């Protein structure tokens, strides 16, 4: 499954391999060509860790409910 995420400010669309929570941030990771360490970018930042977890849950549901090989998720603004 290929996952594309539009970041919170709507100015970027990234293909990500994995997602992690870092406090109140949702971070996406990609593997850069020829570099062993993963490239990371902040996809969204929220008021509370609970809200951040809810966004991660929404991403998981999007992946589970995507019928094809590609899923696209828009990060919520708030």
N, C-alpha and C. Protein backbone atom coordinates (compact mmCIF):
# COMPACT_ATOMS: atom_id res chain seq x y z
N UNK A 1 0.85 -1.18 0.00
CA UNK A 1 0.00 0.00 0.00
C UNK A 1 0.89 1.23 0.00
N UNK A 2 0.61 2.11 -0.90
CA UNK A 2 1.30 3.39 -0.95
C UNK A 2 0.42 4.45 -0.30
N UNK A 3 0.99 5.21 0.64
CA UNK A 3 0.23 6.22 1.37
C UNK A 3 0.77 7.61 1.05
N UNK A 4 -0.14 8.46 0.57
CA UNK A 4 0.19 9.87 0.30
C UNK A 4 -0.57 10.72 1.29
N UNK A 5 0.11 11.73 1.86
CA UNK A 5 -0.52 12.61 2.84
C UNK A 5 -0.28 14.06 2.45
N UNK A 6 -1.39 14.83 2.40
CA UNK A 6 -1.27 16.28 2.23
C UNK A 6 -1.09 16.86 3.62
N UNK A 7 -0.03 17.67 3.77
CA UNK A 7 0.26 18.19 5.11
C UNK A 7 -0.77 19.21 5.56
N UNK A 8 -0.66 19.59 6.80
CA UNK A 8 -1.68 20.41 7.46
C UNK A 8 -1.87 21.78 6.81
N UNK A 9 -0.80 22.38 6.30
CA UNK A 9 -0.94 23.70 5.67
C UNK A 9 -1.33 23.61 4.19
N UNK A 10 -1.56 22.39 3.71
CA UNK A 10 -2.02 22.12 2.35
C UNK A 10 -1.01 22.46 1.26
N UNK A 11 0.25 22.70 1.64
CA UNK A 11 1.26 23.11 0.66
C UNK A 11 2.16 21.97 0.21
N UNK A 12 1.93 20.78 0.74
CA UNK A 12 2.77 19.66 0.37
C UNK A 12 2.00 18.36 0.34
N UNK A 13 2.41 17.47 -0.54
CA UNK A 13 1.84 16.13 -0.65
C UNK A 13 3.01 15.17 -0.70
N UNK A 14 3.07 14.27 0.29
CA UNK A 14 4.22 13.36 0.41
C UNK A 14 3.80 11.91 0.42
N UNK A 15 4.62 11.11 -0.18
CA UNK A 15 4.48 9.67 -0.05
C UNK A 15 5.25 9.29 1.21
N UNK A 16 4.60 8.59 2.14
CA UNK A 16 5.26 8.22 3.39
C UNK A 16 5.28 6.70 3.55
N UNK A 17 6.33 6.22 4.18
CA UNK A 17 6.45 4.78 4.46
C UNK A 17 5.92 4.45 5.84
N UNK A 18 6.07 5.39 6.77
CA UNK A 18 5.58 5.16 8.12
C UNK A 18 5.26 6.49 8.77
N UNK A 19 4.47 6.41 9.85
CA UNK A 19 4.02 7.60 10.57
C UNK A 19 4.24 7.36 12.05
N UNK A 20 4.64 8.41 12.75
CA UNK A 20 4.82 8.32 14.20
C UNK A 20 4.29 9.58 14.86
N UNK A 21 3.95 9.45 16.12
CA UNK A 21 3.57 10.60 16.93
C UNK A 21 4.78 11.04 17.73
N UNK A 22 5.03 12.34 17.73
CA UNK A 22 6.09 12.91 18.56
C UNK A 22 5.46 14.03 19.36
N UNK A 23 4.93 13.67 20.53
CA UNK A 23 4.21 14.64 21.34
C UNK A 23 2.93 15.05 20.66
N UNK A 24 2.83 16.30 20.26
CA UNK A 24 1.62 16.83 19.61
C UNK A 24 1.76 16.89 18.09
N UNK A 25 2.80 16.25 17.55
CA UNK A 25 3.05 16.26 16.11
C UNK A 25 2.83 14.88 15.50
N UNK A 26 2.36 14.89 14.24
CA UNK A 26 2.32 13.68 13.43
C UNK A 26 3.47 13.81 12.44
N UNK A 27 4.37 12.83 12.44
CA UNK A 27 5.57 12.88 11.62
C UNK A 27 5.52 11.74 10.61
N UNK A 28 5.82 12.05 9.35
CA UNK A 28 5.89 11.04 8.30
C UNK A 28 7.33 10.76 7.93
N UNK A 29 7.64 9.52 7.62
CA UNK A 29 8.99 9.11 7.26
C UNK A 29 9.02 8.55 5.85
N UNK A 30 10.05 8.92 5.12
CA UNK A 30 10.32 8.35 3.81
C UNK A 30 11.77 7.89 3.82
N UNK A 31 12.14 7.07 2.88
CA UNK A 31 13.53 6.66 2.74
C UNK A 31 14.12 7.43 1.57
N UNK A 32 15.12 8.26 1.84
CA UNK A 32 15.77 9.02 0.79
C UNK A 32 16.67 8.11 -0.02
N UNK A 33 16.79 8.41 -1.28
CA UNK A 33 17.61 7.60 -2.18
C UNK A 33 19.07 7.64 -1.72
N UNK A 34 19.64 6.48 -1.50
CA UNK A 34 21.05 6.37 -1.17
C UNK A 34 21.42 6.77 0.26
N UNK A 35 20.43 7.09 1.08
CA UNK A 35 20.72 7.49 2.45
C UNK A 35 20.09 6.46 3.39
N UNK A 36 20.88 5.97 4.32
CA UNK A 36 20.39 4.93 5.23
C UNK A 36 19.37 5.46 6.22
N UNK A 37 19.56 6.69 6.68
CA UNK A 37 18.65 7.26 7.69
C UNK A 37 17.37 7.74 7.01
N UNK A 38 16.22 7.52 7.65
CA UNK A 38 14.96 7.97 7.05
C UNK A 38 14.82 9.49 7.08
N UNK A 39 14.17 10.02 6.06
CA UNK A 39 13.84 11.44 5.99
C UNK A 39 12.52 11.62 6.71
N UNK A 40 12.42 12.63 7.57
CA UNK A 40 11.18 12.85 8.30
C UNK A 40 10.67 14.26 8.07
N UNK A 41 9.35 14.40 8.13
CA UNK A 41 8.75 15.73 8.03
C UNK A 41 7.51 15.77 8.91
N UNK A 42 7.25 16.94 9.48
CA UNK A 42 6.05 17.13 10.28
C UNK A 42 4.88 17.31 9.34
N UNK A 43 3.88 16.47 9.50
CA UNK A 43 2.68 16.52 8.65
C UNK A 43 1.59 17.36 9.28
N UNK A 44 1.58 17.44 10.61
CA UNK A 44 0.58 18.23 11.32
C UNK A 44 0.94 18.37 12.78
N UNK A 45 0.46 19.45 13.38
CA UNK A 45 0.67 19.70 14.81
C UNK A 45 -0.67 20.10 15.41
N UNK A 46 -0.99 19.51 16.57
CA UNK A 46 -2.30 19.70 17.18
C UNK A 46 -2.18 20.18 18.62
N UNK A 47 -3.30 20.63 19.18
CA UNK A 47 -3.34 21.23 20.51
C UNK A 47 -3.01 20.25 21.63
N UNK A 48 -3.45 18.99 21.48
CA UNK A 48 -3.25 18.00 22.54
C UNK A 48 -2.73 16.70 21.95
N UNK A 49 -2.14 15.89 22.79
CA UNK A 49 -1.69 14.56 22.36
C UNK A 49 -2.89 13.68 22.04
N UNK A 50 -4.02 13.89 22.72
CA UNK A 50 -5.23 13.12 22.44
C UNK A 50 -5.73 13.39 21.02
N UNK A 51 -5.72 14.66 20.61
CA UNK A 51 -6.14 15.01 19.25
C UNK A 51 -5.18 14.41 18.22
N UNK A 52 -3.89 14.44 18.55
CA UNK A 52 -2.90 13.85 17.66
C UNK A 52 -3.16 12.36 17.48
N UNK A 53 -3.49 11.67 18.57
CA UNK A 53 -3.82 10.25 18.49
C UNK A 53 -5.07 10.02 17.66
N UNK A 54 -6.06 10.89 17.78
CA UNK A 54 -7.29 10.77 16.98
C UNK A 54 -6.99 10.91 15.49
N UNK A 55 -6.06 11.79 15.14
CA UNK A 55 -5.67 11.95 13.73
C UNK A 55 -4.99 10.67 13.24
N UNK A 56 -4.12 10.11 14.06
CA UNK A 56 -3.46 8.85 13.69
C UNK A 56 -4.50 7.74 13.49
N UNK A 57 -5.50 7.69 14.35
CA UNK A 57 -6.58 6.71 14.20
C UNK A 57 -7.30 6.91 12.87
N UNK A 58 -7.51 8.17 12.47
CA UNK A 58 -8.18 8.46 11.20
C UNK A 58 -7.33 8.01 10.01
N UNK A 59 -6.02 8.18 10.11
CA UNK A 59 -5.12 7.70 9.04
C UNK A 59 -5.22 6.19 8.92
N UNK A 60 -5.22 5.51 10.07
CA UNK A 60 -5.33 4.05 10.07
C UNK A 60 -6.63 3.60 9.40
N UNK A 61 -7.73 4.24 9.72
CA UNK A 61 -9.02 3.88 9.11
C UNK A 61 -9.01 4.12 7.61
N UNK A 62 -8.36 5.21 7.18
CA UNK A 62 -8.26 5.50 5.74
C UNK A 62 -7.51 4.38 5.03
N UNK A 63 -6.44 3.91 5.63
CA UNK A 63 -5.65 2.82 5.04
C UNK A 63 -6.50 1.55 4.98
N UNK A 64 -7.18 1.22 6.07
CA UNK A 64 -8.00 0.01 6.14
C UNK A 64 -9.13 0.04 5.11
N UNK A 65 -9.69 1.21 4.84
CA UNK A 65 -10.85 1.31 3.95
C UNK A 65 -10.51 1.67 2.51
N UNK A 66 -9.23 1.73 2.18
CA UNK A 66 -8.85 2.05 0.81
C UNK A 66 -8.85 0.78 -0.03
N UNK A 67 -9.65 0.77 -1.09
CA UNK A 67 -9.78 -0.44 -1.89
C UNK A 67 -8.57 -0.73 -2.78
N UNK A 68 -7.83 0.28 -3.16
CA UNK A 68 -6.73 0.09 -4.10
C UNK A 68 -5.38 0.00 -3.42
N UNK A 69 -4.36 0.22 -4.22
CA UNK A 69 -3.00 0.14 -3.72
C UNK A 69 -2.48 1.49 -3.24
N UNK A 70 -3.28 2.54 -3.43
CA UNK A 70 -2.88 3.89 -3.03
C UNK A 70 -3.96 4.49 -2.14
N UNK A 71 -3.53 5.11 -1.04
CA UNK A 71 -4.45 5.84 -0.15
C UNK A 71 -3.94 7.27 -0.05
N UNK A 72 -4.86 8.22 -0.06
CA UNK A 72 -4.52 9.64 0.09
C UNK A 72 -5.28 10.16 1.29
N UNK A 73 -4.56 10.85 2.18
CA UNK A 73 -5.17 11.39 3.39
C UNK A 73 -4.83 12.87 3.51
N UNK A 74 -5.81 13.72 3.79
CA UNK A 74 -5.59 15.14 4.05
C UNK A 74 -5.54 15.35 5.56
N UNK A 75 -4.44 15.90 6.05
CA UNK A 75 -4.32 16.18 7.48
C UNK A 75 -5.35 17.23 7.87
N UNK A 76 -6.08 17.02 8.97
CA UNK A 76 -7.03 18.03 9.44
C UNK A 76 -6.29 19.32 9.85
N UNK A 77 -6.95 20.45 9.64
CA UNK A 77 -6.33 21.74 9.99
C UNK A 77 -6.24 21.93 11.50
N UNK A 78 -7.23 21.44 12.25
CA UNK A 78 -7.19 21.60 13.71
C UNK A 78 -7.24 20.26 14.39
